[in-house]
Amino acid sequence: MKVIVNNEELNIFEGAKVKDAIIMYFVQQGKDLPMPIPTVKDAYGHKIGFYGSLLPNMVLYIDENKK
């Protein structure tokens, strides 16, 4: 399934959660996962929980400057 994280397309497994997309994004960027995990928002600017379900073509934004 395709999702977009910070304008980067990721192909992730069906049934993945937001946390899975966050981890995959940082791995593909060659970065360590920051702790605490940054805030994640949807395309409309709403905060999304790390255990939320993903939908095909979902757009997420990780605010790497805010924790």
C-alpha atoms as a PDB file:
ATOM      1  CA  MET A   1       0.000   0.000   0.000  1.00  0.00           C
ATOM      2  CA  LYS A   2       1.279   3.471  -0.823  1.00  0.00           C
ATOM      3  CA  VAL A   3       1.417   6.285   1.750  1.00  0.00           C
ATOM      4  CA  ILE A   4       3.114   9.660   1.575  1.00  0.00           C
ATOM      5  CA  VAL A   5       5.276  10.858   4.478  1.00  0.00           C
ATOM      6  CA  ASN A   6       6.801  14.347   4.247  1.00  0.00           C
ATOM      7  CA  ASN A   7       6.323  14.261   0.463  1.00  0.00           C
ATOM      8  CA  GLU A   8       8.152  10.910   0.179  1.00  0.00           C
ATOM      9  CA  GLU A   9       6.238   7.950  -1.233  1.00  0.00           C
ATOM     10  CA  LEU A  10       6.489   4.780   0.843  1.00  0.00           C
ATOM     11  CA  ASN A  11       5.260   1.321  -0.058  1.00  0.00           C
ATOM     12  CA  ILE A  12       4.204  -0.267   3.207  1.00  0.00           C
ATOM     13  CA  PHE A  13       2.415  -3.463   4.132  1.00  0.00           C
ATOM     14  CA  GLU A  14      -1.366  -3.722   4.461  1.00  0.00           C
ATOM     15  CA  GLY A  15      -2.470  -3.295   8.055  1.00  0.00           C
ATOM     16  CA  ALA A  16       0.431  -0.992   8.904  1.00  0.00           C
ATOM     17  CA  LYS A  17       0.057   1.606  11.630  1.00  0.00           C
ATOM     18  CA  VAL A  18       1.266   5.197  11.695  1.00  0.00           C
ATOM     19  CA  LYS A  19       4.285   4.142  13.780  1.00  0.00           C
ATOM     20  CA  ASP A  20       5.315   1.689  11.044  1.00  0.00           C
ATOM     21  CA  ALA A  21       5.281   4.480   8.458  1.00  0.00           C
ATOM     22  CA  ILE A  22       7.304   6.754  10.751  1.00  0.00           C
ATOM     23  CA  ILE A  23       9.937   4.080  11.290  1.00  0.00           C
ATOM     24  CA  MET A  24      10.104   3.278   7.563  1.00  0.00           C
ATOM     25  CA  TYR A  25      10.446   6.973   6.703  1.00  0.00           C
ATOM     26  CA  PHE A  26      13.436   7.467   9.008  1.00  0.00           C
ATOM     27  CA  VAL A  27      15.078   4.237   7.810  1.00  0.00           C
ATOM     28  CA  GLN A  28      14.755   5.325   4.177  1.00  0.00           C
ATOM     29  CA  GLN A  29      16.176   8.751   5.080  1.00  0.00           C
ATOM     30  CA  GLY A  30      19.155   7.061   6.755  1.00  0.00           C
ATOM     31  CA  LYS A  31      18.341   8.763  10.046  1.00  0.00           C
ATOM     32  CA  ASP A  32      17.924   7.450  13.566  1.00  0.00           C
ATOM     33  CA  LEU A  33      14.405   7.510  14.963  1.00  0.00           C
ATOM     34  CA  PRO A  34      14.294  10.552  17.258  1.00  0.00           C
ATOM     35  CA  MET A  35      13.169  10.167  20.853  1.00  0.00           C
ATOM     36  CA  PRO A  36      10.657  11.218  21.778  1.00  0.00           C
ATOM     37  CA  ILE A  37       8.953  10.392  18.507  1.00  0.00           C
ATOM     38  CA  PRO A  38       7.899  13.621  16.731  1.00  0.00           C
ATOM     39  CA  THR A  39       4.315  14.731  16.261  1.00  0.00           C
ATOM     40  CA  VAL A  40       2.566  13.312  13.186  1.00  0.00           C
ATOM     41  CA  LYS A  41      -0.213  15.168  11.374  1.00  0.00           C
ATOM     42  CA  ASP A  42      -2.483  14.261   8.487  1.00  0.00           C
ATOM     43  CA  ALA A  43      -2.970  16.280   5.302  1.00  0.00           C
ATOM     44  CA  TYR A  44      -5.476  18.502   7.153  1.00  0.00           C
ATOM     45  CA  GLY A  45      -3.137  19.322  10.033  1.00  0.00           C
ATOM     46  CA  HIS A  46      -4.781  17.031  12.595  1.00  0.00           C
ATOM     47  CA  LYS A  47      -2.534  15.146  15.012  1.00  0.00           C
ATOM     48  CA  ILE A  48      -2.579  11.388  14.494  1.00  0.00           C
ATOM     49  CA  GLY A  49      -1.808   8.765  17.119  1.00  0.00           C
ATOM     50  CA  PHE A  50       1.087   6.396  16.547  1.00  0.00           C
ATOM     51  CA  TYR A  51      -1.178   3.349  16.683  1.00  0.00           C
ATOM     52  CA  GLY A  52      -3.684   4.739  14.189  1.00  0.00           C
ATOM     53  CA  SER A  53      -4.444   2.756  11.064  1.00  0.00           C
ATOM     54  CA  LEU A  54      -3.168   3.796   7.665  1.00  0.00           C
ATOM     55  CA  LEU A  55      -5.263   3.993   4.525  1.00  0.00           C
ATOM     56  CA  PRO A  56      -3.993   3.718   0.948  1.00  0.00           C
ATOM     57  CA  ASN A  57      -2.641   7.047  -0.367  1.00  0.00           C
ATOM     58  CA  MET A  58      -2.765   8.620   3.098  1.00  0.00           C
ATOM     59  CA  VAL A  59      -0.616  11.739   3.493  1.00  0.00           C
ATOM     60  CA  LEU A  60       1.320  12.269   6.736  1.00  0.00           C
ATOM     61  CA  TYR A  61       3.669  14.973   7.906  1.00  0.00           C
ATOM     62  CA  ILE A  62       6.275  14.490  10.616  1.00  0.00           C
ATOM     63  CA  ASP A  63       7.278  17.659  12.450  1.00  0.00           C
ATOM     64  CA  GLU A  64      10.940  16.907  13.051  1.00  0.00           C
ATOM     65  CA  ASN A  65      11.479  20.216  14.842  1.00  0.00           C
ATOM     66  CA  LYS A  66       8.815  19.708  17.530  1.00  0.00           C
ATOM     67  CA  LYS A  67       8.656  16.813  19.942  1.00  0.00           C
END
